[in-house]
Amino acid sequence: LSEPFLDRIDISVQMQPSQSDDQASLTSAQMHAKVFGALKLQNNRQQTKPNGKLDDEEIKRFCVLTPELQKILRQASENFGLSFRSVNKVLKVSRTIADLSDAEEITKEHLLEALSYRRR
């Protein structure tokens, strides 16, 4: 697959074969509650679109990073050769991770987790 095509993929996760003794970390009901909690946070900040549909201006408004986090993202962008599109996808995924964690602001953990989902 070409780089421009792969650049459009928000999350890439390497999966391992499941084992018979594997257990889910959340029930469907718990995940349902987390998703609705995330939607409530989005509504509270007057966000009219889901995180994945935010445009550039909305990303600036809703995916705010502290100077420390901006530095981390800049370094990751340079080290991994992230395009402008990829950086915006990392920001939107970070915002979603923060929302699912019931966090008002994106933290270092949210940003690093989102970066870990980028294809290298």
Protein backbone atom coordinates (compact mmCIF):
# COMPACT_ATOMS: atom_id res chain seq x y z
CA LEU A 1 0.00 0.00 0.00
CA SER A 2 1.24 3.49 -0.80
CA GLU A 3 2.30 5.97 1.88
CA PRO A 4 -0.49 8.48 1.02
CA PHE A 5 -3.06 5.71 1.39
CA LEU A 6 -1.59 4.43 4.69
CA ASP A 7 -1.43 8.03 5.95
CA ARG A 8 -5.24 8.07 5.92
CA ILE A 9 -5.51 5.24 8.45
CA ASP A 10 -6.12 6.62 11.96
CA ILE A 11 -5.15 3.61 14.08
CA SER A 12 -2.92 0.65 13.35
CA VAL A 13 -2.71 -2.14 15.92
CA GLN A 14 -0.70 -5.35 15.65
CA MET A 15 -2.87 -8.17 16.97
CA GLN A 16 -1.74 -11.45 18.48
CA PRO A 17 -3.72 -14.69 18.19
CA SER A 18 -6.20 -15.02 21.04
CA GLN A 19 -5.76 -17.62 23.73
CA SER A 20 -8.51 -19.73 25.27
CA ASP A 21 -7.95 -18.10 28.69
CA ASP A 22 -8.04 -14.48 27.41
CA GLN A 23 -10.45 -12.22 29.30
CA ALA A 24 -12.01 -8.96 28.15
CA SER A 25 -10.90 -5.95 30.19
CA LEU A 26 -14.35 -4.32 29.87
CA THR A 27 -17.84 -5.67 29.44
CA SER A 28 -20.03 -4.38 26.62
CA ALA A 29 -22.07 -2.43 29.17
CA GLN A 30 -18.93 -0.81 30.59
CA MET A 31 -17.70 0.16 27.11
CA HIS A 32 -21.17 1.49 26.27
CA ALA A 33 -21.04 3.70 29.37
CA LYS A 34 -17.54 4.95 28.45
CA VAL A 35 -18.63 5.87 24.93
CA PHE A 36 -21.69 7.75 26.17
CA GLY A 37 -19.52 9.51 28.76
CA ALA A 38 -17.16 10.58 25.96
CA LEU A 39 -20.09 11.91 23.94
CA LYS A 40 -21.27 13.86 26.98
CA LEU A 41 -17.83 15.47 27.30
CA GLN A 42 -17.95 16.43 23.62
CA ASN A 43 -21.38 18.00 24.09
CA ASN A 44 -20.21 19.86 27.21
CA ARG A 45 -17.44 21.56 25.22
CA GLN A 46 -19.96 22.44 22.47
CA GLN A 47 -18.33 20.12 19.97
CA THR A 48 -20.88 19.38 17.24
CA LYS A 49 -18.90 16.67 15.37
CA PRO A 50 -17.27 13.44 16.50
CA ASN A 51 -13.52 13.72 17.06
CA GLY A 52 -12.72 11.82 13.89
CA LYS A 53 -14.59 14.39 11.76
CA LEU A 54 -12.98 17.54 13.17
CA ASP A 55 -11.49 19.96 10.63
CA ASP A 56 -8.24 21.87 11.11
CA GLU A 57 -9.83 24.81 12.97
CA GLU A 58 -11.81 22.50 15.25
CA ILE A 59 -8.67 20.48 16.01
CA LYS A 60 -6.99 23.70 17.17
CA ARG A 61 -10.00 24.45 19.37
CA PHE A 62 -10.70 21.03 20.88
CA CYS A 63 -7.34 19.22 20.80
CA VAL A 64 -5.26 21.70 22.78
CA LEU A 65 -1.83 20.57 23.96
CA THR A 66 0.36 22.05 26.67
CA PRO A 67 3.78 23.33 25.55
CA GLU A 68 5.35 20.11 26.91
CA LEU A 69 2.98 17.97 24.83
CA GLN A 70 3.53 20.16 21.76
CA LYS A 71 7.26 19.48 22.11
CA ILE A 72 6.66 15.71 22.37
CA LEU A 73 4.44 15.75 19.29
CA ARG A 74 6.95 17.86 17.35
CA GLN A 75 9.77 15.43 18.24
CA ALA A 76 7.62 12.43 17.29
CA SER A 77 6.70 14.12 14.03
CA GLU A 78 10.37 14.68 13.19
CA ASN A 79 11.52 11.22 14.34
CA PHE A 80 8.76 9.28 12.59
CA GLY A 81 8.31 11.59 9.59
CA LEU A 82 4.67 12.30 10.36
CA SER A 83 2.81 14.36 7.77
CA PHE A 84 0.49 17.23 8.67
CA ARG A 85 -2.43 14.82 8.14
CA SER A 86 -0.83 12.24 10.47
CA VAL A 87 -0.25 14.83 13.19
CA ASN A 88 -3.91 15.86 13.00
CA LYS A 89 -4.98 12.22 13.24
CA VAL A 90 -2.78 11.77 16.32
CA LEU A 91 -4.44 14.82 17.88
CA LYS A 92 -7.95 13.51 17.17
CA VAL A 93 -7.11 10.05 18.52
CA SER A 94 -5.53 11.69 21.61
CA ARG A 95 -8.75 13.66 22.15
CA THR A 96 -10.79 10.46 21.86
CA ILE A 97 -8.54 8.62 24.32
CA ALA A 98 -8.88 11.54 26.74
CA ASP A 99 -12.66 11.54 26.32
CA LEU A 100 -12.86 7.79 26.98
CA SER A 101 -10.73 8.38 30.10
CA ASP A 102 -13.23 11.05 31.23
CA ALA A 103 -10.47 13.68 31.04
CA GLU A 104 -11.13 17.31 30.19
CA GLU A 105 -7.60 17.80 28.81
CA ILE A 106 -5.26 15.68 26.73
CA THR A 107 -2.41 14.39 28.90
CA LYS A 108 0.99 12.95 28.09
CA GLU A 109 -0.40 9.42 28.51
CA HIS A 110 -3.19 10.11 26.00
CA LEU A 111 -0.77 11.57 23.46
CA LEU A 112 1.75 8.74 23.82
CA GLU A 113 -0.98 6.14 23.47
CA ALA A 114 -2.25 7.81 20.29
CA LEU A 115 1.31 7.91 18.91
CA SER A 116 1.67 4.21 19.66
CA TYR A 117 -1.23 3.52 17.29
CA ARG A 118 0.51 5.10 14.29
CA ARG A 119 1.97 2.76 11.72
CA ARG A 120 5.76 3.10 11.68
